[in-house]
Amino acid sequence: MLLWNLVIVAVWHILFFILCIKLPTATFDASKGRYVARPWEQGGRWYRENLKIQLWKDRLPQHIGKTGLSKKHFSDASIEYIDEFIMETCRGEWVHLNDCLCAVVLLLINPLLVGLVLSFFVLLGNLPCAIVQRYNRFRLQALRKKMLRDLSSAKIGQKTVTA
């Protein structure tokens, strides 16, 4: 029974990973309803105050996709780089939340105790990752907004200072 459950979980995760790669990037538009910040999230503050996300988020494994987006390149980040990173957080959130749905399947096909234990592990492996993606997106959106504001004021400063 354990082997079959592991096969189901592996196939589910692989299928949704492939699907997330194959779907058009427009699917992962941060302005779409499922990715937009909810009022209770307070732009990510709820995650810091209630989940203490800043203490554990960097301990989770990180998948750097085919584009090679990494936090290490933020020193020379452009608006375009931030936009792509924001889209990737939507992609990551999408895949991890869909992987969480596997827990429902495990609950349905197994005896209650087995289903609960296996579902717990599926949720434990995916829900924190989805939460981190969401939290990081809010931080990236704030950084993007600040960068645009700084660029705008730099351009205004250039126009007003003429020699």
Protein backbone atom coordinates (compact mmCIF):
# COMPACT_ATOMS: atom_id res chain seq x y z
CA MET A 1 0.00 0.00 0.00
CA LEU A 2 2.83 2.39 0.86
CA LEU A 3 4.52 1.78 -2.49
CA TRP A 4 1.31 2.57 -4.41
CA ASN A 5 0.82 5.74 -2.42
CA LEU A 6 4.39 6.83 -3.12
CA VAL A 7 3.84 6.18 -6.83
CA ILE A 8 0.64 8.23 -6.79
CA VAL A 9 2.36 11.13 -5.00
CA ALA A 10 5.38 11.00 -7.34
CA VAL A 11 3.28 10.86 -10.51
CA TRP A 12 1.01 13.67 -9.25
CA HIS A 13 3.97 15.92 -8.45
CA ILE A 14 5.76 15.19 -11.72
CA LEU A 15 2.63 15.83 -13.79
CA PHE A 16 1.94 19.17 -12.15
CA PHE A 17 5.60 20.17 -12.45
CA ILE A 18 5.55 19.42 -16.18
CA LEU A 19 2.23 21.22 -16.52
CA CYS A 20 3.57 24.33 -14.78
CA ILE A 21 6.50 24.42 -17.20
CA LYS A 22 4.32 23.92 -20.27
CA LEU A 23 1.59 26.44 -19.37
CA PRO A 24 1.96 29.91 -20.91
CA THR A 25 3.49 32.55 -18.67
CA ALA A 26 0.23 34.52 -18.86
CA THR A 27 -1.22 31.84 -16.58
CA PHE A 28 1.07 33.11 -13.85
CA ASP A 29 0.20 36.81 -14.08
CA ALA A 30 0.57 38.34 -10.61
CA SER A 31 -2.42 40.61 -11.23
CA LYS A 32 -4.77 37.61 -11.48
CA GLY A 33 -7.11 37.10 -8.55
CA ARG A 34 -5.49 34.00 -7.10
CA TYR A 35 -2.10 35.73 -6.79
CA VAL A 36 -3.26 39.13 -5.52
CA ALA A 37 -2.67 39.96 -1.86
CA ARG A 38 -5.67 39.56 0.41
CA PRO A 39 -6.36 42.32 2.94
CA TRP A 40 -5.64 40.00 5.87
CA GLU A 41 -2.15 39.29 4.48
CA GLN A 42 -1.20 42.96 4.97
CA GLY A 43 1.35 42.86 2.17
CA GLY A 44 3.20 39.97 3.84
CA ARG A 45 3.24 41.37 7.36
CA TRP A 46 0.79 38.68 8.54
CA TYR A 47 3.32 35.99 7.55
CA ARG A 48 6.12 37.72 9.45
CA GLU A 49 4.09 38.35 12.60
CA ASN A 50 2.08 35.12 12.82
CA LEU A 51 4.17 32.49 11.04
CA LYS A 52 7.61 34.03 11.76
CA ILE A 53 8.41 33.22 8.14
CA GLN A 54 11.69 35.14 8.20
CA LEU A 55 13.06 32.57 10.68
CA TRP A 56 12.46 29.47 8.56
CA LYS A 57 11.94 30.40 4.91
CA ASP A 58 15.63 30.18 3.96
CA ARG A 59 15.85 26.64 5.34
CA LEU A 60 13.49 25.26 2.70
CA PRO A 61 15.00 23.69 -0.42
CA GLN A 62 15.11 26.03 -3.39
CA HIS A 63 14.51 25.08 -7.00
CA ILE A 64 16.18 27.40 -9.46
CA GLY A 65 14.35 26.84 -12.74
CA LYS A 66 15.54 26.89 -16.29
CA THR A 67 15.79 30.69 -16.24
CA GLY A 68 18.27 30.56 -13.36
CA LEU A 69 16.47 33.23 -11.34
CA SER A 70 18.16 33.54 -7.99
CA LYS A 71 18.15 35.92 -5.05
CA LYS A 72 21.93 36.12 -5.44
CA HIS A 73 21.54 38.31 -8.54
CA PHE A 74 19.54 41.05 -6.84
CA SER A 75 22.45 43.46 -6.60
CA ASP A 76 22.12 44.28 -10.29
CA ALA A 77 18.39 43.55 -10.63
CA SER A 78 16.38 45.41 -13.23
CA ILE A 79 12.64 45.96 -13.38
CA GLU A 80 12.47 43.21 -16.01
CA TYR A 81 14.36 40.80 -13.73
CA ILE A 82 12.01 41.59 -10.84
CA ASP A 83 8.98 41.11 -13.12
CA GLU A 84 10.25 37.71 -14.20
CA PHE A 85 10.97 36.75 -10.60
CA ILE A 86 7.44 37.80 -9.60
CA MET A 87 6.03 35.59 -12.36
CA GLU A 88 8.15 32.68 -11.11
CA THR A 89 6.76 33.10 -7.59
CA CYS A 90 3.27 32.75 -9.09
CA ARG A 91 4.41 29.62 -10.91
CA GLY A 92 5.91 28.18 -7.72
CA GLU A 93 2.81 28.96 -5.69
CA TRP A 94 0.60 27.40 -8.38
CA VAL A 95 2.53 24.14 -8.52
CA HIS A 96 2.82 23.74 -4.74
CA LEU A 97 -0.86 24.47 -4.12
CA ASN A 98 -1.87 22.00 -6.82
CA ASP A 99 0.48 19.45 -5.27
CA CYS A 100 -1.39 19.99 -1.99
CA LEU A 101 -4.52 18.69 -3.74
CA CYS A 102 -2.85 15.29 -3.82
CA ALA A 103 -3.60 15.13 -0.08
CA VAL A 104 -7.33 14.97 -0.90
CA VAL A 105 -6.74 12.02 -3.23
CA LEU A 106 -4.74 10.23 -0.54
CA LEU A 107 -7.54 10.79 1.97
CA LEU A 108 -10.09 9.34 -0.45
CA ILE A 109 -8.22 6.20 -1.48
CA ASN A 110 -6.75 5.13 1.87
CA PRO A 111 -8.05 4.06 5.25
CA LEU A 112 -8.56 7.18 7.40
CA LEU A 113 -5.40 6.94 9.54
CA VAL A 114 -3.13 6.14 6.58
CA GLY A 115 -4.75 8.90 4.52
CA LEU A 116 -4.30 11.43 7.31
CA VAL A 117 -0.63 10.58 7.84
CA LEU A 118 0.23 10.63 4.14
CA SER A 119 -1.78 13.82 3.55
CA PHE A 120 0.04 15.47 6.44
CA PHE A 121 3.38 14.76 4.79
CA VAL A 122 2.20 16.00 1.37
CA LEU A 123 0.95 19.22 2.96
CA LEU A 124 4.10 19.57 5.06
CA GLY A 125 6.22 19.30 1.91
CA ASN A 126 4.22 21.78 -0.17
CA LEU A 127 2.28 24.29 1.90
CA PRO A 128 5.33 26.03 3.41
CA CYS A 129 6.82 26.40 -0.08
CA ALA A 130 3.61 27.94 -1.44
CA ILE A 131 3.50 30.34 1.52
CA VAL A 132 7.11 31.41 0.94
CA GLN A 133 6.40 32.05 -2.76
CA ARG A 134 3.45 34.23 -1.83
CA TYR A 135 5.43 36.13 0.82
CA ASN A 136 8.37 36.68 -1.52
CA ARG A 137 6.06 37.98 -4.24
CA PHE A 138 4.73 40.69 -1.93
CA ARG A 139 8.30 41.69 -1.06
CA LEU A 140 9.31 41.73 -4.73
CA GLN A 141 6.29 43.83 -5.64
CA ALA A 142 7.24 46.33 -2.94
CA LEU A 143 10.83 46.40 -4.25
CA ARG A 144 9.55 46.89 -7.82
CA LYS A 145 7.36 49.78 -6.71
CA LYS A 146 10.31 51.41 -4.91
CA MET A 147 12.57 50.94 -7.95
CA LEU A 148 9.97 52.57 -10.22
CA ARG A 149 9.57 55.45 -7.76
CA ASP A 150 13.35 55.93 -7.59
CA LEU A 151 13.65 55.84 -11.39
CA SER A 152 10.84 58.34 -11.72
CA SER A 153 12.37 60.77 -9.25
CA ALA A 154 15.79 60.39 -10.89
CA LYS A 155 14.29 61.30 -14.26
CA ILE A 156 12.47 64.28 -12.76
CA GLY A 157 15.71 65.38 -11.11
CA GLN A 158 17.53 65.16 -14.43
CA LYS A 159 14.93 67.30 -16.16
CA THR A 160 14.96 70.03 -13.54
CA VAL A 161 18.73 70.27 -13.25
CA THR A 162 19.99 71.78 -16.48
CA ALA A 163 23.25 73.57 -16.99
